[in-house]
Amino acid sequence: MTLEGIAKGLGRRLALNREALRMVRDHYVEMGRGDLKITQARRKMARLPRGATPVKNRAGTAPGVRLEVGRTVIFALPGVPREMKSTFRDSLEGEIRRRLGRLHTRTVILKLEGIFESTLAPVLKKTMKKHPSVYIKSHPKGVEEGVSKIELDVVVVSKRKADSTKISEEIASELKREIAKARGSVLSTIARS
């Protein structure tokens, strides 16, 4: 379904890719199952959007996919977590790192109480709109003695370490103010680079 969606979104058709089909066949041979018939379901694993290149999946059968569209590169990986991780490490991570260059990540974790996720949602939406390059994720931790608990991850990625630190501190301060206005409280703040 993922590849169908990518193809449709780009106005391309899915087509049997001979190299991908070879990868599927080779996988069965390597497993000692070269006698298996390449059924329609197995051929489907080799149908890629036109112009895509298959990416070797050393941990499974279905190849990953690499597709260049202008200056953008789209990667689609197998859905099985073990296969996805293996394909990413073996074939994609190096290219992504080369394209992006050195990046600095700063994560700030805010442990909150006394505020519900539904109350927090508009605050997070406003913050993410103001800072579109920042990733913020809330993790509800339940309610203890009538008090809600949430862990909030704020992740900033920047080319410069000083920028990622400065921006993450600004956002943490903004969030603390907004949470206080909503009558919640921040129990602790943990920052990691």
Protein backbone atom coordinates (compact mmCIF):
# COMPACT_ATOMS: atom_id res chain seq x y z
CA MET A 1 0.00 0.00 0.00
CA THR A 2 2.86 2.38 0.75
CA LEU A 3 4.36 2.07 -2.71
CA GLU A 4 0.91 2.40 -4.29
CA GLY A 5 0.43 5.64 -2.34
CA ILE A 6 3.84 6.99 -3.33
CA ALA A 7 3.23 6.13 -6.99
CA LYS A 8 -0.23 7.69 -6.96
CA GLY A 9 1.02 10.82 -5.17
CA LEU A 10 3.72 11.28 -7.80
CA GLY A 11 1.49 10.46 -10.74
CA ARG A 12 3.51 7.34 -11.59
CA ARG A 13 2.53 3.75 -12.19
CA LEU A 14 3.74 0.71 -10.33
CA ALA A 15 5.65 -1.66 -12.59
CA LEU A 16 7.55 -4.89 -12.21
CA ASN A 17 11.19 -4.02 -11.56
CA ARG A 18 13.52 -6.73 -12.90
CA GLU A 19 16.28 -5.98 -10.39
CA ALA A 20 13.80 -6.14 -7.49
CA LEU A 21 12.43 -9.44 -8.82
CA ARG A 22 16.00 -10.80 -8.98
CA MET A 23 16.47 -9.75 -5.32
CA VAL A 24 13.28 -11.60 -4.33
CA ARG A 25 14.40 -14.75 -6.19
CA ASP A 26 17.93 -14.52 -4.75
CA HIS A 27 16.51 -14.31 -1.25
CA TYR A 28 14.66 -17.61 -1.68
CA VAL A 29 17.77 -19.25 -3.17
CA GLU A 30 19.88 -18.01 -0.20
CA MET A 31 17.27 -19.53 2.16
CA GLY A 32 17.65 -22.87 0.37
CA ARG A 33 14.19 -22.45 -1.16
CA GLY A 34 15.12 -21.81 -4.77
CA ASP A 35 12.43 -24.33 -5.69
CA LEU A 36 9.66 -21.95 -4.58
CA LYS A 37 7.48 -20.70 -7.38
CA ILE A 38 7.43 -16.92 -7.82
CA THR A 39 3.73 -16.44 -7.18
CA GLN A 40 1.74 -13.28 -7.84
CA ALA A 41 2.16 -12.30 -4.15
CA ARG A 42 5.93 -12.72 -4.43
CA ARG A 43 6.02 -10.75 -7.71
CA LYS A 44 4.09 -7.96 -5.96
CA MET A 45 7.17 -7.37 -3.76
CA ALA A 46 9.03 -6.41 -6.95
CA ARG A 47 6.47 -3.85 -8.17
CA LEU A 48 7.94 -0.39 -7.66
CA PRO A 49 6.97 3.11 -8.78
CA ARG A 50 8.48 3.82 -12.22
CA GLY A 51 11.97 5.27 -11.86
CA ALA A 52 12.56 3.71 -8.41
CA THR A 53 15.60 1.65 -7.51
CA PRO A 54 15.32 -1.43 -5.27
CA VAL A 55 17.40 -1.49 -2.11
CA LYS A 56 18.80 -4.80 -0.80
CA ASN A 57 17.00 -6.22 2.24
CA ARG A 58 19.50 -8.59 3.88
CA ALA A 59 17.07 -9.57 6.65
CA GLY A 60 14.03 -10.45 4.52
CA THR A 61 12.45 -10.78 1.12
CA ALA A 62 10.85 -7.49 0.07
CA PRO A 63 13.42 -4.95 -1.13
CA GLY A 64 13.44 -1.39 0.11
CA VAL A 65 12.91 1.39 -2.40
CA ARG A 66 14.87 4.53 -3.32
CA LEU A 67 13.24 7.10 -5.58
CA GLU A 68 14.62 10.49 -6.66
CA VAL A 69 12.12 13.21 -7.50
CA GLY A 70 13.92 16.41 -8.38
CA ARG A 71 16.22 17.19 -5.44
CA THR A 72 14.19 14.99 -3.09
CA VAL A 73 15.00 11.36 -2.33
CA ILE A 74 12.19 9.16 -1.06
CA PHE A 75 13.01 5.94 0.77
CA ALA A 76 10.42 3.25 1.51
CA LEU A 77 11.54 0.43 3.77
CA PRO A 78 10.08 -3.00 4.52
CA GLY A 79 7.45 -2.91 7.27
CA VAL A 80 8.88 -5.71 9.44
CA PRO A 81 10.89 -3.82 12.12
CA ARG A 82 13.94 -6.12 11.96
CA GLU A 83 14.05 -5.80 8.16
CA MET A 84 13.46 -2.05 8.24
CA LYS A 85 16.30 -1.48 10.71
CA SER A 86 18.69 -3.74 8.79
CA THR A 87 17.90 -2.11 5.44
CA PHE A 88 18.24 1.36 6.93
CA ARG A 89 21.64 0.58 8.51
CA ASP A 90 23.03 -1.29 5.50
CA SER A 91 21.85 0.88 2.65
CA LEU A 92 20.35 4.22 3.62
CA GLU A 93 21.93 5.62 6.75
CA GLY A 94 25.21 6.52 5.03
CA GLU A 95 23.49 8.39 2.21
CA ILE A 96 21.23 10.28 4.59
CA ARG A 97 24.17 11.29 6.77
CA ARG A 98 26.14 12.47 3.72
CA ARG A 99 23.22 14.51 2.41
CA LEU A 100 22.38 16.13 5.76
CA GLY A 101 25.90 16.70 7.03
CA ARG A 102 26.64 16.90 10.73
CA LEU A 103 23.56 17.56 12.84
CA HIS A 104 23.21 18.28 16.54
CA THR A 105 20.22 16.97 18.43
CA ARG A 106 19.07 18.33 21.75
CA THR A 107 16.23 16.65 23.61
CA VAL A 108 14.50 18.25 26.57
CA ILE A 109 12.15 16.07 28.61
CA LEU A 110 9.60 17.84 30.77
CA LYS A 111 7.82 15.81 33.42
CA LEU A 112 4.41 17.38 33.97
CA GLU A 113 1.57 16.91 36.39
CA GLY A 114 -1.84 18.43 36.89
CA ILE A 115 -2.54 18.95 33.20
CA PHE A 116 -4.38 16.62 30.87
CA GLU A 117 -3.22 15.86 27.34
CA SER A 118 -6.38 17.42 25.91
CA THR A 119 -5.56 20.69 27.71
CA LEU A 120 -1.94 20.47 26.60
CA ALA A 121 -2.75 19.81 22.91
CA PRO A 122 -3.52 23.45 21.93
CA VAL A 123 -0.35 24.62 23.71
CA LEU A 124 1.73 22.11 21.75
CA LYS A 125 0.00 22.99 18.49
CA LYS A 126 0.75 26.68 19.02
CA THR A 127 4.38 25.95 19.90
CA MET A 128 4.92 23.68 16.90
CA LYS A 129 3.36 26.27 14.60
CA LYS A 130 5.78 28.87 15.95
CA HIS A 131 8.73 26.43 15.69
CA PRO A 132 7.94 24.12 12.72
CA SER A 133 11.30 22.38 12.73
CA VAL A 134 10.86 21.16 16.33
CA TYR A 135 9.40 17.76 17.18
CA ILE A 136 7.26 17.62 20.32
CA LYS A 137 5.66 14.41 21.59
CA SER A 138 3.54 13.92 24.69
CA HIS A 139 3.46 10.63 26.58
CA PRO A 140 0.56 10.36 29.06
CA LYS A 141 1.70 8.47 32.17
CA GLY A 142 -1.72 8.05 33.75
CA VAL A 143 -3.44 9.56 36.74
CA GLU A 144 -2.23 9.07 40.32
CA GLU A 145 -4.44 10.17 43.20
CA GLY A 146 -6.47 12.31 40.81
CA VAL A 147 -3.41 14.06 39.34
CA SER A 148 -2.55 13.49 35.67
CA LYS A 149 1.07 12.89 34.71
CA ILE A 150 2.62 13.50 31.30
CA GLU A 151 6.14 13.27 29.97
CA LEU A 152 6.84 15.72 27.16
CA ASP A 153 9.74 15.26 24.71
CA VAL A 154 11.00 18.33 22.85
CA VAL A 155 13.54 17.50 20.14
CA VAL A 156 15.52 20.16 18.28
CA VAL A 157 17.88 19.29 15.42
CA SER A 158 20.25 21.91 14.04
CA LYS A 159 23.46 22.20 12.06
CA ARG A 160 24.98 24.13 14.98
CA LYS A 161 25.11 22.78 18.52
CA ALA A 162 24.65 26.25 20.02
CA ASP A 163 21.43 26.72 18.01
CA SER A 164 19.94 23.41 19.11
CA THR A 165 20.71 24.24 22.75
CA LYS A 166 19.37 27.80 22.55
CA ILE A 167 16.17 26.85 20.72
CA SER A 168 15.42 23.91 23.02
CA GLU A 169 15.86 26.14 26.10
CA GLU A 170 13.58 28.83 24.60
CA ILE A 171 10.88 26.29 23.82
CA ALA A 172 11.14 24.67 27.25
CA SER A 173 10.70 28.10 28.86
CA GLU A 174 7.70 28.91 26.65
CA LEU A 175 6.10 25.57 27.47
CA LYS A 176 6.66 26.01 31.21
CA ARG A 177 4.90 29.40 31.09
CA GLU A 178 1.97 28.03 29.10
CA ILE A 179 1.65 24.98 31.35
CA ALA A 180 1.62 27.22 34.43
CA LYS A 181 -1.16 29.33 32.84
CA ALA A 182 -3.17 26.12 32.39
CA ARG A 183 -2.58 25.33 36.10
CA GLY A 184 -0.25 22.46 35.44
CA SER A 185 3.24 22.17 36.81
CA VAL A 186 6.61 21.00 35.58
CA LEU A 187 8.18 18.59 38.08
CA SER A 188 11.52 18.26 36.32
CA THR A 189 13.42 19.11 33.17
CA ILE A 190 16.05 16.83 31.71
CA ALA A 191 18.20 17.94 28.76
CA ARG A 192 20.33 15.62 26.61
CA SER A 193 22.51 16.33 23.59
